[in-house]
Amino acid sequence: MTLKLTIIIPISVNMFIEPNISGERRGSIEVICGSMFSGKTEELIRRLKRARIANLRVEIFKPKLDMRYDAHSIVSHDENAILSTPIDSSQTILLLSTAMDVVGIDEAQFFDDQLPDVCEQLAFRGTRVIVAGLDMDYTGKPFGQMPNLLAKADFITKLHAICMRCGHIANYSYRKTGHDAQVVLGEKEMYEPRCRQCYRMEQPTNQPIICP
């Protein structure tokens, strides 16, 4: 009897391998999404630094309202940083990216409703567009233009954090304070990642949910 040995090599879902582009230059839209503390900005920075190592022309943008770590850089929770341009309007991206090979956009959920069209125009120009953002707000609803970006994306990477209650995979951003505005900038003092079950255990006001 002949026995066959099958070796299964696990592949990390968090590792994105850039497409091998040769010949005609073609644009694309990559979306990195997930909850807070899932490593979205870290992954965005990693891809942008790889593009620069390849001697590609790279421009990076972030919403001007996000001043949590630095006024001009995008900074991950692990304090990995890369210089960026803060802007108020997504249309500005078109004006400042005419000669770029790669465009990175962080915190996409905070941009205006023109962002999906801007990304598509860049892709039609032949630009590789890499976008990172929260796919859900603190109430668990789709956040800003992220659903439209996901619909237009050529590549999607869904990242997960670790639930602070049970240690399982987390994809919800739980707000620990009583603020009810959709956009409230904050870090670990205001938010924590939770799995679906632990997120549903409490309302944003910390009142327990009574299930039928």
N, C-alpha and C. Protein backbone atom coordinates (compact mmCIF):
# COMPACT_ATOMS: atom_id res chain seq x y z
N MET A 1 0.85 -1.19 0.00
CA MET A 1 0.00 0.00 0.00
C MET A 1 0.88 1.24 0.00
N THR A 2 0.57 2.16 -0.86
CA THR A 2 1.31 3.41 -0.95
C THR A 2 0.55 4.52 -0.24
N LEU A 3 1.22 5.13 0.72
CA LEU A 3 0.59 6.23 1.46
C LEU A 3 1.00 7.56 0.87
N LYS A 4 0.05 8.46 0.72
CA LYS A 4 0.33 9.80 0.23
C LYS A 4 0.28 10.77 1.39
N LEU A 5 1.30 11.57 1.47
CA LEU A 5 1.38 12.57 2.53
C LEU A 5 1.01 13.93 1.96
N THR A 6 -0.04 14.50 2.50
CA THR A 6 -0.48 15.83 2.06
C THR A 6 -0.06 16.88 3.07
N ILE A 7 0.67 17.86 2.63
CA ILE A 7 1.13 18.94 3.50
C ILE A 7 0.31 20.18 3.21
N ILE A 8 -0.34 20.70 4.22
CA ILE A 8 -1.16 21.90 4.08
C ILE A 8 -0.38 23.08 4.65
N ILE A 9 -0.13 24.06 3.84
CA ILE A 9 0.60 25.24 4.28
C ILE A 9 -0.40 26.37 4.50
N PRO A 10 -0.55 26.84 5.74
CA PRO A 10 -1.50 27.92 5.99
C PRO A 10 -1.04 29.23 5.38
N ILE A 11 -1.97 29.96 4.83
CA ILE A 11 -1.68 31.27 4.24
C ILE A 11 -2.39 32.33 5.04
N SER A 12 -1.66 33.31 5.50
CA SER A 12 -2.25 34.37 6.30
C SER A 12 -3.17 35.22 5.45
N VAL A 13 -4.40 35.43 5.92
CA VAL A 13 -5.34 36.27 5.17
C VAL A 13 -4.97 37.74 5.28
N ASN A 14 -4.07 38.08 6.18
CA ASN A 14 -3.70 39.47 6.37
C ASN A 14 -2.55 39.89 5.46
N MET A 15 -1.96 38.95 4.73
CA MET A 15 -0.82 39.26 3.88
C MET A 15 -1.28 39.46 2.45
N PHE A 16 -1.14 40.67 1.95
CA PHE A 16 -1.55 40.97 0.58
C PHE A 16 -0.32 40.95 -0.31
N ILE A 17 -0.36 40.17 -1.38
CA ILE A 17 0.73 40.12 -2.35
C ILE A 17 0.33 40.96 -3.55
N GLU A 18 1.12 41.99 -3.84
CA GLU A 18 0.79 42.89 -4.92
C GLU A 18 0.74 42.14 -6.25
N PRO A 19 -0.19 42.52 -7.13
CA PRO A 19 -0.27 41.86 -8.44
C PRO A 19 0.99 42.11 -9.25
N ASN A 20 1.39 41.10 -10.01
CA ASN A 20 2.56 41.23 -10.87
C ASN A 20 2.16 41.96 -12.14
N ILE A 21 2.49 43.23 -12.22
CA ILE A 21 2.05 44.05 -13.34
C ILE A 21 3.20 44.18 -14.34
N SER A 22 2.95 43.80 -15.57
CA SER A 22 3.95 43.94 -16.62
C SER A 22 3.26 44.43 -17.88
N GLY A 23 4.02 45.14 -18.70
CA GLY A 23 3.44 45.65 -19.93
C GLY A 23 2.56 46.86 -19.68
N GLU A 24 1.30 46.78 -20.11
CA GLU A 24 0.39 47.91 -19.99
C GLU A 24 0.13 48.24 -18.52
N ARG A 25 0.21 49.51 -18.21
CA ARG A 25 -0.06 49.96 -16.84
C ARG A 25 -1.57 50.03 -16.61
N ARG A 26 -2.04 49.32 -15.60
CA ARG A 26 -3.47 49.31 -15.28
C ARG A 26 -3.67 49.69 -13.83
N GLY A 27 -4.68 50.48 -13.58
CA GLY A 27 -4.97 50.90 -12.22
C GLY A 27 -5.83 49.88 -11.50
N SER A 28 -5.93 50.07 -10.18
CA SER A 28 -6.75 49.17 -9.37
C SER A 28 -7.12 49.89 -8.08
N ILE A 29 -8.13 49.33 -7.40
CA ILE A 29 -8.56 49.85 -6.10
C ILE A 29 -8.46 48.71 -5.09
N GLU A 30 -7.67 48.94 -4.05
CA GLU A 30 -7.54 47.98 -2.95
C GLU A 30 -8.15 48.61 -1.70
N VAL A 31 -8.99 47.87 -1.01
CA VAL A 31 -9.61 48.37 0.21
C VAL A 31 -9.20 47.48 1.39
N ILE A 32 -8.66 48.13 2.42
CA ILE A 32 -8.30 47.46 3.67
C ILE A 32 -9.32 47.91 4.71
N CYS A 33 -10.09 46.99 5.26
CA CYS A 33 -11.14 47.37 6.19
C CYS A 33 -11.11 46.49 7.43
N GLY A 34 -11.90 46.89 8.42
CA GLY A 34 -11.99 46.15 9.68
C GLY A 34 -12.33 47.08 10.82
N SER A 35 -12.30 46.55 12.02
CA SER A 35 -12.63 47.34 13.20
C SER A 35 -11.43 48.16 13.64
N MET A 36 -11.62 48.96 14.68
CA MET A 36 -10.50 49.67 15.27
C MET A 36 -9.53 48.64 15.87
N PHE A 37 -8.25 48.99 15.85
CA PHE A 37 -7.17 48.18 16.41
C PHE A 37 -6.97 46.85 15.68
N SER A 38 -7.41 46.79 14.41
CA SER A 38 -7.23 45.56 13.63
C SER A 38 -5.98 45.60 12.75
N GLY A 39 -5.30 46.74 12.68
CA GLY A 39 -4.07 46.83 11.90
C GLY A 39 -4.24 47.38 10.50
N LYS A 40 -5.33 48.12 10.24
CA LYS A 40 -5.59 48.66 8.90
C LYS A 40 -4.50 49.63 8.46
N THR A 41 -4.20 50.60 9.31
CA THR A 41 -3.19 51.60 8.96
C THR A 41 -1.81 50.96 8.85
N GLU A 42 -1.53 49.99 9.71
CA GLU A 42 -0.25 49.27 9.64
C GLU A 42 -0.09 48.58 8.28
N GLU A 43 -1.16 47.95 7.81
CA GLU A 43 -1.12 47.27 6.52
C GLU A 43 -1.01 48.28 5.37
N LEU A 44 -1.72 49.40 5.48
CA LEU A 44 -1.61 50.45 4.47
C LEU A 44 -0.18 50.95 4.37
N ILE A 45 0.44 51.25 5.51
CA ILE A 45 1.82 51.74 5.51
C ILE A 45 2.77 50.70 4.91
N ARG A 46 2.54 49.43 5.25
CA ARG A 46 3.40 48.37 4.71
C ARG A 46 3.37 48.34 3.18
N ARG A 47 2.17 48.42 2.61
CA ARG A 47 2.06 48.38 1.15
C ARG A 47 2.69 49.61 0.51
N LEU A 48 2.49 50.78 1.13
CA LEU A 48 3.04 52.00 0.56
C LEU A 48 4.57 52.01 0.62
N LYS A 49 5.13 51.49 1.69
CA LYS A 49 6.60 51.43 1.80
C LYS A 49 7.16 50.45 0.77
N ARG A 50 6.48 49.35 0.52
CA ARG A 50 6.91 48.41 -0.51
C ARG A 50 6.89 49.07 -1.89
N ALA A 51 5.86 49.89 -2.13
CA ALA A 51 5.79 50.59 -3.41
C ALA A 51 6.96 51.56 -3.58
N ARG A 52 7.35 52.21 -2.50
CA ARG A 52 8.49 53.13 -2.58
C ARG A 52 9.80 52.37 -2.78
N ILE A 53 9.92 51.21 -2.16
CA ILE A 53 11.10 50.38 -2.38
C ILE A 53 11.21 50.01 -3.86
N ALA A 54 10.06 49.84 -4.52
CA ALA A 54 10.03 49.52 -5.95
C ALA A 54 10.22 50.75 -6.82
N ASN A 55 10.57 51.89 -6.20
CA ASN A 55 10.82 53.15 -6.92
C ASN A 55 9.59 53.68 -7.65
N LEU A 56 8.42 53.40 -7.10
CA LEU A 56 7.20 53.97 -7.65
C LEU A 56 6.92 55.32 -7.01
N ARG A 57 6.23 56.16 -7.73
CA ARG A 57 5.86 57.48 -7.20
C ARG A 57 4.61 57.33 -6.35
N VAL A 58 4.73 57.70 -5.08
CA VAL A 58 3.67 57.45 -4.09
C VAL A 58 3.23 58.76 -3.45
N GLU A 59 1.91 58.93 -3.33
CA GLU A 59 1.34 60.07 -2.59
C GLU A 59 0.31 59.51 -1.61
N ILE A 60 0.27 60.09 -0.40
CA ILE A 60 -0.58 59.57 0.67
C ILE A 60 -1.44 60.69 1.22
N PHE A 61 -2.72 60.38 1.46
CA PHE A 61 -3.66 61.38 1.95
C PHE A 61 -4.39 60.88 3.19
N LYS A 62 -4.78 61.84 4.03
CA LYS A 62 -5.63 61.54 5.17
C LYS A 62 -6.56 62.71 5.40
N PRO A 63 -7.71 62.49 6.07
CA PRO A 63 -8.63 63.61 6.34
C PRO A 63 -8.02 64.58 7.35
N LYS A 64 -8.20 65.86 7.09
CA LYS A 64 -7.59 66.88 7.95
C LYS A 64 -8.11 66.82 9.37
N LEU A 65 -9.33 66.32 9.56
CA LEU A 65 -9.90 66.29 10.91
C LEU A 65 -9.22 65.28 11.83
N ASP A 66 -8.49 64.31 11.25
CA ASP A 66 -7.85 63.29 12.08
C ASP A 66 -6.48 63.76 12.53
N MET A 67 -6.41 64.31 13.74
CA MET A 67 -5.16 64.85 14.30
C MET A 67 -4.72 64.06 15.53
N ARG A 68 -5.16 62.80 15.65
CA ARG A 68 -4.93 62.06 16.88
C ARG A 68 -3.45 61.85 17.18
N TYR A 69 -2.67 61.52 16.18
CA TYR A 69 -1.26 61.23 16.41
C TYR A 69 -0.34 62.32 15.87
N ASP A 70 -0.65 62.80 14.66
CA ASP A 70 0.24 63.75 14.01
C ASP A 70 -0.56 64.52 12.96
N ALA A 71 -0.17 65.77 12.76
CA ALA A 71 -0.92 66.62 11.82
C ALA A 71 -0.63 66.26 10.37
N HIS A 72 0.54 65.69 10.09
CA HIS A 72 0.93 65.47 8.70
C HIS A 72 1.29 64.02 8.37
N SER A 73 1.29 63.15 9.32
CA SER A 73 1.61 61.75 9.05
C SER A 73 0.44 60.86 9.42
N ILE A 74 0.33 59.72 8.74
CA ILE A 74 -0.58 58.70 9.21
C ILE A 74 0.24 57.79 10.12
N VAL A 75 -0.32 57.47 11.27
CA VAL A 75 0.41 56.74 12.30
C VAL A 75 -0.45 55.57 12.76
N SER A 76 0.11 54.39 12.80
CA SER A 76 -0.61 53.22 13.27
C SER A 76 -0.62 53.20 14.79
N HIS A 77 -1.42 52.31 15.37
CA HIS A 77 -1.46 52.18 16.83
C HIS A 77 -0.13 51.67 17.38
N ASP A 78 0.68 51.04 16.52
CA ASP A 78 2.01 50.59 16.92
C ASP A 78 3.07 51.65 16.67
N GLU A 79 2.63 52.87 16.33
CA GLU A 79 3.49 54.03 16.13
C GLU A 79 4.37 53.91 14.89
N ASN A 80 3.95 53.10 13.93
CA ASN A 80 4.58 53.08 12.62
C ASN A 80 3.99 54.23 11.82
N ALA A 81 4.82 55.03 11.16
CA ALA A 81 4.32 56.26 10.55
C ALA A 81 4.87 56.45 9.14
N ILE A 82 4.13 57.23 8.35
CA ILE A 82 4.57 57.63 7.02
C ILE A 82 3.96 58.99 6.72
N LEU A 83 4.73 59.86 6.11
CA LEU A 83 4.28 61.23 5.85
C LEU A 83 3.11 61.25 4.88
N SER A 84 2.12 62.11 5.15
CA SER A 84 0.93 62.19 4.30
C SER A 84 0.52 63.65 4.13
N THR A 85 -0.49 63.85 3.28
CA THR A 85 -1.03 65.19 3.04
C THR A 85 -2.45 65.26 3.59
N PRO A 86 -2.70 66.09 4.62
CA PRO A 86 -4.06 66.24 5.15
C PRO A 86 -4.90 67.08 4.20
N ILE A 87 -6.13 66.62 3.91
CA ILE A 87 -7.00 67.35 2.98
C ILE A 87 -8.42 67.40 3.52
N ASP A 88 -9.18 68.38 3.02
CA ASP A 88 -10.58 68.55 3.40
C ASP A 88 -11.55 67.89 2.42
N SER A 89 -11.15 67.82 1.15
CA SER A 89 -12.05 67.34 0.10
C SER A 89 -11.37 66.24 -0.70
N SER A 90 -12.13 65.20 -1.04
CA SER A 90 -11.55 64.11 -1.82
C SER A 90 -11.18 64.54 -3.23
N GLN A 91 -11.83 65.58 -3.75
CA GLN A 91 -11.46 66.07 -5.08
C GLN A 91 -10.03 66.57 -5.13
N THR A 92 -9.50 67.00 -3.99
CA THR A 92 -8.12 67.46 -3.93
C THR A 92 -7.16 66.33 -4.28
N ILE A 93 -7.55 65.10 -4.02
CA ILE A 93 -6.69 63.96 -4.34
C ILE A 93 -6.39 63.91 -5.84
N LEU A 94 -7.39 64.19 -6.66
CA LEU A 94 -7.18 64.19 -8.11
C LEU A 94 -6.17 65.24 -8.53
N LEU A 95 -6.24 66.40 -7.92
CA LEU A 95 -5.35 67.50 -8.28
C LEU A 95 -3.90 67.22 -7.89
N LEU A 96 -3.71 66.50 -6.80
CA LEU A 96 -2.36 66.29 -6.28
C LEU A 96 -1.76 64.94 -6.67
N SER A 97 -2.47 64.18 -7.51
CA SER A 97 -2.01 62.83 -7.83
C SER A 97 -1.81 62.60 -9.32
N THR A 98 -1.66 63.66 -10.09
CA THR A 98 -1.61 63.51 -11.54
C THR A 98 -0.42 62.68 -12.02
N ALA A 99 0.70 62.71 -11.31
CA ALA A 99 1.90 62.00 -11.77
C ALA A 99 2.24 60.81 -10.88
N MET A 100 1.30 60.35 -10.07
CA MET A 100 1.58 59.30 -9.10
C MET A 100 1.29 57.90 -9.66
N ASP A 101 2.10 56.95 -9.25
CA ASP A 101 1.86 55.55 -9.57
C ASP A 101 0.94 54.90 -8.55
N VAL A 102 1.11 55.30 -7.29
CA VAL A 102 0.35 54.71 -6.19
C VAL A 102 -0.20 55.83 -5.31
N VAL A 103 -1.46 55.72 -4.93
CA VAL A 103 -2.09 56.68 -4.03
C VAL A 103 -2.64 55.92 -2.82
N GLY A 104 -2.24 56.36 -1.62
CA GLY A 104 -2.76 55.77 -0.39
C GLY A 104 -3.72 56.72 0.30
N ILE A 105 -4.80 56.20 0.84
CA ILE A 105 -5.81 57.02 1.53
C ILE A 105 -6.16 56.33 2.84
N ASP A 106 -5.96 57.05 3.95
CA ASP A 106 -6.26 56.48 5.26
C ASP A 106 -7.55 57.09 5.82
N GLU A 107 -8.20 56.37 6.72
CA GLU A 107 -9.43 56.80 7.38
C GLU A 107 -10.47 57.23 6.35
N ALA A 108 -10.71 56.37 5.38
CA ALA A 108 -11.60 56.71 4.26
C ALA A 108 -13.02 56.99 4.70
N GLN A 109 -13.44 56.44 5.85
CA GLN A 109 -14.82 56.63 6.30
C GLN A 109 -15.13 58.09 6.63
N PHE A 110 -14.11 58.92 6.82
CA PHE A 110 -14.32 60.32 7.16
C PHE A 110 -14.42 61.24 5.94
N PHE A 111 -14.17 60.71 4.74
CA PHE A 111 -14.20 61.55 3.55
C PHE A 111 -15.62 61.74 3.02
N ASP A 112 -15.77 62.70 2.11
CA ASP A 112 -17.07 63.02 1.54
C ASP A 112 -17.50 61.96 0.53
N ASP A 113 -18.74 62.11 0.01
CA ASP A 113 -19.31 61.09 -0.86
C ASP A 113 -18.72 61.05 -2.27
N GLN A 114 -17.76 61.93 -2.56
CA GLN A 114 -17.09 61.90 -3.86
C GLN A 114 -15.92 60.92 -3.89
N LEU A 115 -15.53 60.40 -2.74
CA LEU A 115 -14.33 59.57 -2.69
C LEU A 115 -14.39 58.34 -3.59
N PRO A 116 -15.48 57.57 -3.62
CA PRO A 116 -15.50 56.40 -4.52
C PRO A 116 -15.26 56.76 -5.98
N ASP A 117 -15.88 57.85 -6.44
CA ASP A 117 -15.68 58.29 -7.83
C ASP A 117 -14.25 58.75 -8.05
N VAL A 118 -13.67 59.43 -7.07
CA VAL A 118 -12.28 59.88 -7.17
C VAL A 118 -11.35 58.67 -7.31
N CYS A 119 -11.58 57.65 -6.49
CA CYS A 119 -10.75 56.45 -6.56
C CYS A 119 -10.89 55.75 -7.91
N GLU A 120 -12.11 55.73 -8.43
CA GLU A 120 -12.34 55.10 -9.73
C GLU A 120 -11.66 55.87 -10.85
N GLN A 121 -11.72 57.20 -10.78
CA GLN A 121 -11.03 58.00 -11.79
C GLN A 121 -9.53 57.76 -11.77
N LEU A 122 -8.97 57.66 -10.57
CA LEU A 122 -7.54 57.38 -10.45
C LEU A 122 -7.21 56.02 -11.04
N ALA A 123 -8.05 55.03 -10.76
CA ALA A 123 -7.80 53.68 -11.29
C ALA A 123 -7.86 53.67 -12.81
N PHE A 124 -8.79 54.42 -13.40
CA PHE A 124 -8.88 54.50 -14.85
C PHE A 124 -7.65 55.20 -15.44
N ARG A 125 -7.02 56.06 -14.66
CA ARG A 125 -5.79 56.72 -15.11
C ARG A 125 -4.61 55.75 -15.11
N GLY A 126 -4.76 54.64 -14.43
CA GLY A 126 -3.65 53.70 -14.31
C GLY A 126 -2.98 53.72 -12.96
N THR A 127 -3.61 54.37 -11.99
CA THR A 127 -3.04 54.50 -10.65
C THR A 127 -3.50 53.36 -9.75
N ARG A 128 -2.59 52.84 -8.97
CA ARG A 128 -2.95 51.86 -7.95
C ARG A 128 -3.40 52.63 -6.70
N VAL A 129 -4.65 52.43 -6.30
CA VAL A 129 -5.23 53.16 -5.17
C VAL A 129 -5.39 52.19 -4.00
N ILE A 130 -4.83 52.55 -2.85
CA ILE A 130 -4.93 51.71 -1.66
C ILE A 130 -5.65 52.51 -0.58
N VAL A 131 -6.81 52.02 -0.16
CA VAL A 131 -7.67 52.74 0.77
C VAL A 131 -7.84 51.93 2.05
N ALA A 132 -7.74 52.60 3.20
CA ALA A 132 -7.96 51.93 4.48
C ALA A 132 -9.05 52.67 5.25
N GLY A 133 -9.91 51.93 5.94
CA GLY A 133 -10.95 52.59 6.72
C GLY A 133 -11.81 51.61 7.50
N LEU A 134 -12.57 52.17 8.43
CA LEU A 134 -13.52 51.40 9.22
C LEU A 134 -14.73 51.04 8.36
N ASP A 135 -15.08 49.77 8.30
CA ASP A 135 -16.25 49.40 7.51
C ASP A 135 -17.55 49.57 8.29
N MET A 136 -17.47 49.60 9.65
CA MET A 136 -18.66 49.82 10.47
C MET A 136 -18.38 50.88 11.54
N ASP A 137 -19.41 51.66 11.89
CA ASP A 137 -19.26 52.62 12.98
C ASP A 137 -19.52 51.91 14.31
N TYR A 138 -19.58 52.70 15.39
CA TYR A 138 -19.70 52.10 16.72
C TYR A 138 -21.06 51.43 16.95
N THR A 139 -22.06 51.75 16.10
CA THR A 139 -23.37 51.10 16.21
C THR A 139 -23.46 49.83 15.38
N GLY A 140 -22.40 49.49 14.67
CA GLY A 140 -22.41 48.30 13.82
C GLY A 140 -23.00 48.52 12.45
N LYS A 141 -23.19 49.78 12.05
CA LYS A 141 -23.74 50.10 10.73
C LYS A 141 -22.62 50.49 9.77
N PRO A 142 -22.83 50.29 8.45
CA PRO A 142 -21.82 50.69 7.47
C PRO A 142 -21.43 52.15 7.64
N PHE A 143 -20.14 52.42 7.51
CA PHE A 143 -19.59 53.72 7.87
C PHE A 143 -19.23 54.52 6.62
N GLY A 144 -19.86 55.69 6.46
CA GLY A 144 -19.51 56.61 5.39
C GLY A 144 -19.58 55.98 4.01
N GLN A 145 -18.53 56.22 3.22
CA GLN A 145 -18.47 55.72 1.84
C GLN A 145 -17.80 54.36 1.72
N MET A 146 -17.51 53.73 2.86
CA MET A 146 -16.84 52.44 2.80
C MET A 146 -17.63 51.38 2.03
N PRO A 147 -18.97 51.28 2.18
CA PRO A 147 -19.69 50.28 1.37
C PRO A 147 -19.52 50.48 -0.13
N ASN A 148 -19.54 51.73 -0.58
CA ASN A 148 -19.37 52.01 -2.00
C ASN A 148 -17.95 51.70 -2.47
N LEU A 149 -16.98 51.97 -1.62
CA LEU A 149 -15.60 51.63 -1.96
C LEU A 149 -15.40 50.13 -2.06
N LEU A 150 -16.02 49.41 -1.13
CA LEU A 150 -15.92 47.95 -1.17
C LEU A 150 -16.56 47.38 -2.44
N ALA A 151 -17.65 48.01 -2.88
CA ALA A 151 -18.31 47.55 -4.10
C ALA A 151 -17.45 47.78 -5.34
N LYS A 152 -16.67 48.85 -5.34
CA LYS A 152 -15.84 49.20 -6.49
C LYS A 152 -14.45 48.57 -6.46
N ALA A 153 -14.09 47.96 -5.34
CA ALA A 153 -12.72 47.48 -5.15
C ALA A 153 -12.39 46.28 -6.02
N ASP A 154 -11.13 46.24 -6.48
CA ASP A 154 -10.61 45.06 -7.16
C ASP A 154 -10.12 44.03 -6.14
N PHE A 155 -9.60 44.52 -5.02
CA PHE A 155 -9.07 43.66 -3.97
C PHE A 155 -9.55 44.16 -2.62
N ILE A 156 -9.97 43.23 -1.75
CA ILE A 156 -10.46 43.59 -0.42
C ILE A 156 -9.72 42.76 0.63
N THR A 157 -9.22 43.45 1.66
CA THR A 157 -8.60 42.77 2.79
C THR A 157 -9.37 43.13 4.05
N LYS A 158 -9.98 42.12 4.67
CA LYS A 158 -10.74 42.32 5.92
C LYS A 158 -9.85 41.88 7.08
N LEU A 159 -9.50 42.84 7.93
CA LEU A 159 -8.64 42.56 9.08
C LEU A 159 -9.48 42.47 10.35
N HIS A 160 -8.98 41.77 11.34
CA HIS A 160 -9.68 41.59 12.60
C HIS A 160 -8.76 41.92 13.77
N ALA A 161 -9.38 42.43 14.82
CA ALA A 161 -8.67 42.65 16.07
C ALA A 161 -8.96 41.47 17.00
N ILE A 162 -8.57 41.60 18.27
CA ILE A 162 -8.85 40.60 19.29
C ILE A 162 -9.84 41.19 20.29
N CYS A 163 -10.91 40.46 20.56
CA CYS A 163 -11.94 40.93 21.48
C CYS A 163 -11.35 41.15 22.87
N MET A 164 -11.59 42.32 23.44
CA MET A 164 -11.06 42.65 24.75
C MET A 164 -11.81 41.99 25.88
N ARG A 165 -12.94 41.36 25.56
CA ARG A 165 -13.73 40.67 26.58
C ARG A 165 -13.42 39.18 26.67
N CYS A 166 -13.32 38.51 25.49
CA CYS A 166 -13.21 37.05 25.51
C CYS A 166 -11.98 36.52 24.79
N GLY A 167 -11.29 37.38 24.02
CA GLY A 167 -10.08 36.94 23.33
C GLY A 167 -10.31 36.32 21.97
N HIS A 168 -11.56 36.27 21.50
CA HIS A 168 -11.84 35.75 20.17
C HIS A 168 -11.62 36.84 19.11
N ILE A 169 -11.77 36.45 17.85
CA ILE A 169 -11.63 37.40 16.75
C ILE A 169 -12.70 38.49 16.86
N ALA A 170 -12.28 39.74 16.70
CA ALA A 170 -13.19 40.88 16.84
C ALA A 170 -13.31 41.64 15.53
N ASN A 171 -14.52 42.05 15.19
CA ASN A 171 -14.74 42.88 14.01
C ASN A 171 -15.69 44.04 14.28
N TYR A 172 -15.96 44.33 15.58
CA TYR A 172 -16.79 45.46 15.96
C TYR A 172 -15.97 46.45 16.80
N SER A 173 -16.29 47.74 16.63
CA SER A 173 -15.65 48.80 17.42
C SER A 173 -16.65 49.27 18.48
N TYR A 174 -16.42 48.87 19.72
CA TYR A 174 -17.35 49.20 20.80
C TYR A 174 -16.92 50.51 21.46
N ARG A 175 -17.87 51.46 21.55
CA ARG A 175 -17.59 52.75 22.19
C ARG A 175 -17.94 52.66 23.66
N LYS A 176 -16.99 52.98 24.51
CA LYS A 176 -17.15 52.82 25.96
C LYS A 176 -17.77 54.04 26.63
N THR A 177 -17.97 55.12 25.89
CA THR A 177 -18.53 56.34 26.46
C THR A 177 -19.96 56.53 26.01
N GLY A 178 -20.63 57.56 26.54
CA GLY A 178 -22.02 57.81 26.22
C GLY A 178 -22.25 58.71 25.03
N HIS A 179 -21.19 59.12 24.31
CA HIS A 179 -21.37 59.98 23.13
C HIS A 179 -22.16 59.25 22.06
N ASP A 180 -23.14 59.95 21.46
CA ASP A 180 -23.97 59.31 20.45
C ASP A 180 -23.73 59.83 19.04
N ALA A 181 -22.75 60.74 18.85
CA ALA A 181 -22.42 61.20 17.50
C ALA A 181 -21.69 60.08 16.76
N GLN A 182 -21.89 60.01 15.44
CA GLN A 182 -21.24 58.94 14.68
C GLN A 182 -19.73 59.09 14.70
N VAL A 183 -19.25 60.32 14.54
CA VAL A 183 -17.81 60.56 14.50
C VAL A 183 -17.36 61.16 15.82
N VAL A 184 -16.66 60.37 16.60
CA VAL A 184 -16.03 60.83 17.83
C VAL A 184 -14.62 60.25 17.84
N LEU A 185 -13.62 61.09 17.60
CA LEU A 185 -12.25 60.60 17.51
C LEU A 185 -11.76 60.20 18.89
N GLY A 186 -11.08 59.08 18.96
CA GLY A 186 -10.56 58.61 20.23
C GLY A 186 -9.78 57.33 20.04
N GLU A 187 -9.13 56.89 21.11
CA GLU A 187 -8.34 55.67 21.06
C GLU A 187 -8.83 54.69 22.11
N LYS A 188 -7.90 54.04 22.81
CA LYS A 188 -8.26 52.97 23.74
C LYS A 188 -9.07 53.47 24.93
N GLU A 189 -8.98 54.77 25.21
CA GLU A 189 -9.76 55.29 26.32
C GLU A 189 -11.25 55.37 25.98
N MET A 190 -11.58 55.33 24.68
CA MET A 190 -12.97 55.47 24.25
C MET A 190 -13.50 54.25 23.52
N TYR A 191 -12.63 53.44 22.93
CA TYR A 191 -13.07 52.32 22.11
C TYR A 191 -12.32 51.05 22.47
N GLU A 192 -12.97 49.92 22.20
CA GLU A 192 -12.30 48.65 22.30
C GLU A 192 -12.88 47.68 21.28
N PRO A 193 -12.07 46.80 20.72
CA PRO A 193 -12.60 45.82 19.76
C PRO A 193 -13.34 44.71 20.48
N ARG A 194 -14.43 44.24 19.85
CA ARG A 194 -15.21 43.15 20.41
C ARG A 194 -15.67 42.20 19.32
N CYS A 195 -15.87 40.95 19.71
CA CYS A 195 -16.47 39.98 18.80
C CYS A 195 -17.98 40.26 18.71
N ARG A 196 -18.65 39.56 17.84
CA ARG A 196 -20.07 39.79 17.63
C ARG A 196 -20.88 39.55 18.92
N GLN A 197 -20.57 38.45 19.62
CA GLN A 197 -21.33 38.12 20.82
C GLN A 197 -21.10 39.13 21.94
N CYS A 198 -19.85 39.49 22.18
CA CYS A 198 -19.55 40.42 23.27
C CYS A 198 -20.04 41.83 22.94
N TYR A 199 -20.02 42.18 21.66
CA TYR A 199 -20.55 43.48 21.26
C TYR A 199 -22.04 43.57 21.56
N ARG A 200 -22.77 42.48 21.32
CA ARG A 200 -24.21 42.48 21.53
C ARG A 200 -24.63 42.34 22.99
N MET A 201 -23.68 42.09 23.85
CA MET A 201 -24.00 41.94 25.27
C MET A 201 -24.45 43.25 25.89
N GLU A 202 -23.97 44.37 25.33
CA GLU A 202 -24.28 45.67 25.91
C GLU A 202 -24.60 46.68 24.83
N GLN A 203 -25.48 47.60 25.14
CA GLN A 203 -25.74 48.73 24.27
C GLN A 203 -24.59 49.73 24.40
N PRO A 204 -24.44 50.68 23.45
CA PRO A 204 -23.42 51.71 23.59
C PRO A 204 -23.55 52.49 24.90
N THR A 205 -24.72 52.51 25.52
CA THR A 205 -24.91 53.22 26.79
C THR A 205 -24.61 52.33 27.98
N ASN A 206 -24.02 51.12 27.69
CA ASN A 206 -23.67 50.15 28.71
C ASN A 206 -24.90 49.54 29.40
N GLN A 207 -26.08 49.64 28.77
CA GLN A 207 -27.27 49.00 29.30
C GLN A 207 -27.40 47.62 28.68
N PRO A 208 -27.65 46.57 29.46
CA PRO A 208 -27.72 45.22 28.91
C PRO A 208 -28.89 45.04 27.97
N ILE A 209 -28.70 44.24 26.95
CA ILE A 209 -29.77 43.91 26.01
C ILE A 209 -30.54 42.70 26.55
N ILE A 210 -31.83 42.79 26.60
CA ILE A 210 -32.65 41.67 27.05
C ILE A 210 -33.17 40.96 25.80
N CYS A 211 -32.66 39.77 25.57
CA CYS A 211 -33.05 39.02 24.37
C CYS A 211 -34.32 38.24 24.63
N PRO A 212 -35.21 38.15 23.64
CA PRO A 212 -36.46 37.40 23.83
C PRO A 212 -36.18 35.90 23.91
